[in-house]
Amino acid sequence: MFFRRKIKNFNTGIEPHEVFLDKLAHKEEEALGISEIKFEVPLKEKISYILFAFFLILIFVLFSKAFYFQVIQGDKMYIAAENNKGSATLVIPERGIIYDKNLKKLVSNSPVFDLVCDKSKFSLITQEIPKKVLDISDILEIDSNYVLEKLRSSENPEVLISQNLSHEKILVLESKISELEGCKIQQNTARDYFNGEIFSHLLGYIGRINKDEYASSSGYSFNDNLGKTGLEQQYESYLRGTPGRLKILKTATGIQVDKELISEPVPGSNLVLNIDAGLQQKIYESLEKSIKNIGAEKGTAIAMDPRNGAVLGLVSYPSYDNNLFSGGISSENFNEIQNNPNLPLFNRAVSAQYPVGSTIKPFEALGALQENLISPEKEINDTGSIELKSKYDSTVIYRFGGVKPHGWVDMRKALAVSSNVYFYTIGGGYGGQQGLGPTRIKKYLDLFGWGEKTNIDLPGEVSGLVPSPEWKQENMKEQWWDGDTYNFSIGQSFLKVTPLQVASAYSAIANGGTLYKPQIVSKIIESLETSKQPIKSFEPEILRRNFVDPEYLKIVKEGMLDCTEKSYGTATSLSLLPVPIAAKTGTAEIGREGYFSAWIATFAPYENPEIVFVVTIEAVKGLQSATIPVARDVLDWYFSK
C-alpha cells in the first residue's frame, strides 16, 4: 500500500522548487488528510522568469559594485588596504609653472607642511579631551576644542589639523611625532603668484580639495590641492602631474620600521600663455586709474590679436590677490572679499552681461549693406531724434532721441559721430527707408558670435542674450513693439553680451571677416628646454569666415578710422598715437538715472591690425570720457615699446 502511494523517489534529493513551494505542499497534505508525503507541485512559468530576472539583477549589481571598487575607486581602495598593514600615501608631484608669451614666470611653487591625523587613533567617544589633542593644541598654540571638533566632524579618516606650519612648530612636532600616534607631518605645495591682483582672474588659484571633488577625482589625497578657478582649474589635468606612491611599514603597535617608494611622482606640465605680462600690467594700471578718476568702481578690458584669436591681456576690476587663497585663506580675508559689493571674485570679462550701446552700430551697418538696404553714400538727416505716432492713438507720439543733431550723415560719418538717428533708420526703418528689423539685426549679431559662448579656455563664461520677438513672447509673454526695434538698433532693449564677445566680434572686423576662438594658452611644455617641442600646441581655431562681403567691411572700417582721424569723430584724441587707430565708442543706459556703461572698441594699426582693444566701465556718472583715456594709454604704451 505504501509503495502504491509513493509518488516521488526520495533518493534523488530535494529539488529547488520543492523548497520554495513547501508551504503550498503542506496545505495540500492537510486538505487530503495525509502527512509526510511529498507531492509534486509544478512551478509556474511566470514565477520562473521572475526568479531568473531577480538573480540576473543581483549578479549585475554585484558585478557593478566590484567594477566600481576595483577600477574607478581602485587607487583609493589600494591605499586603504595598504593602510591596514602600514600606510600607503600619495607623494604630491611638483605642480606645473605658468609663463607669459615671453617665458616670464607668472607663478612658482614653494613647499609647505601640514599636520594630518588619523581620527581612528583618537578616543572621541568620551567628553574628556584626549591627551594627544591637548598636546597638539599646546604645540600649535590653538584651542583644544577646535582640534577636537575638527576630528569629530570630519567625514574623512585623515583630518587636516593645521596647514602651512611655521619652521619652529615643525621642529617641535618632529621631536614629538612618535608620541602622537596617527599623526604625521605632510608636505604640500603652495603657489606664489607674481602680481597677484593683476593676473588673478586669468590664473585663478588652487585650494584644498572638497568632498565632492575628491569623490569625482582620482590620484588625490583627502588633504590635497587642486585648481579652483581660472587657468589653474581649466588646465588642472596638465598642471597637476602624476602622484608617486610611498609605502610606510609599521609594527602592530604602530612603530614605523621601513618605508618604500613604490613609484616616483611625475611633475606637472607647464603652460605658456599668449598673454603679454607687460601689457597685462599696463591694462590693469590704466583701467584702475581711469575708474578712480571718474568715481566709478567696476570695469573690464581685453586685448586680442585679430590675426589668430590669441588673448594678449584680460583684466577684470576690481580684482583680488590670489596669493591669499594659495596657502588657505583666513576667515577674515575671505569674508572681506566675499562681502565686497563690487564682487572682486567675479570675472567681468567673460561672465558679465552688458548692454553695448553704440558699439553695435558697425555690425548693424554691415547687415544693412549685406542686405542691400542702403548705399553707404546715401545721406540721412540727423535732426537729433525721430518721432512715431502710435498705431492705436494718433495723438500719442513716441520720440527716440540722440545725444545731439548731426545734420546730413552718410554711413561712414554716422559711424564716426555715432548718429542714433541714422541707425534708428536702418535698424527699424523710417521716412521711407527700409530697416533691418529685429530678426535680421539678430542674424548678423549671431554671425559675429554675440549671444553664444566663445569657448575661451577659462571657466565661468556665459552666453549673453541677443533678443528676438519670439524670445520676448516666450519669456515675457509680450509682443515685440517698434520701440523695441529702435532701442535694439542702438544697443539697448534686452540685448546683453559679454565684453569678450565684443572683442571677438571686433577682431573679425579688423582681420577682414574671420571669427576666431579666443585662446589664452599658447602651448603646454615639459620644461623651458623642451619649449620648441611642446606636449600640445593650440593652433588658431576658426569659428566662422566669409560671412560678410570684404568691401562692406572696408566701408565700416573707414567709418571707424574717421572716428579718430576726422575732427567730428568721437575719439579724436587717439589720432595722436604712433599708428593710425580705428575706434567705435558707445554709451549704454543701465536703468539708473544719470549713469551709463561706457565702451570703446579699437584696433590698430589700421592697415594691418595686430591688436584689438576693448574697454567697458560700469556705472559712469554722466557722459564722461571714461574709456578713451584707457585706450590711449594702453595703445600708446604698446606701440611705443
Foldseek 3Di string as FASTA:
>chain_A
DVVVPADDDCVVPDDPVCVVCVVVQVVVCVVVVHPPHGDDDDDDPVVVVVVVVVVVVVVVVVVVVVCCCCPVVNQVVVQVVLVVQFGKDWAFAAFAWEAEQVRHTFKHKDKFKFKKFQLVVDDLPDPDQDPLLVVVCVLQVHDSVLQSCQSVPDPDRIGTRGIRDDPSSVVVCVVCVVVNFRMDIDMAMFMDGDPQQLCCQAAPEKAFDDDVRVVNDPQDDNGHIFGDFHPRNLPRVQRRFHIWMKRFGADPVRHTDDMDGPGHTGGGWYFYWNEDVVLSVLLVVLQVVLCVVQVFFWKWKWKAFLVFQETHYIHTPPADGNSCRRGHHDPVVVCVQVPPPRNRVDRQQFAFWDQWFQLLQLLQLLLCVQVVQDDQPAWDFFQFWDWDADPVDRVDIDIDGDPHGDGIDGSLQCQQLVRLVVLLCQQLNDDPRHHCYLVSSLVSLVQLQQQQHLPESTPNGDRWDRDDQVNCCVPVVDGDDSVLRSQVSRRARRGIGGNNSSLQSVSCLQVQFWRWRNYTTAFIARDPVCVVPTPGGDGIHTPDGPPTDSVSSVSSQSSQLCLQPPPSGPQVVLVPAPARKGKGKGWADDPDPQWTKTKMWMFDDRVRTGMIMIMITGGRGHDDPRCSSSVSSSRNVVVVD
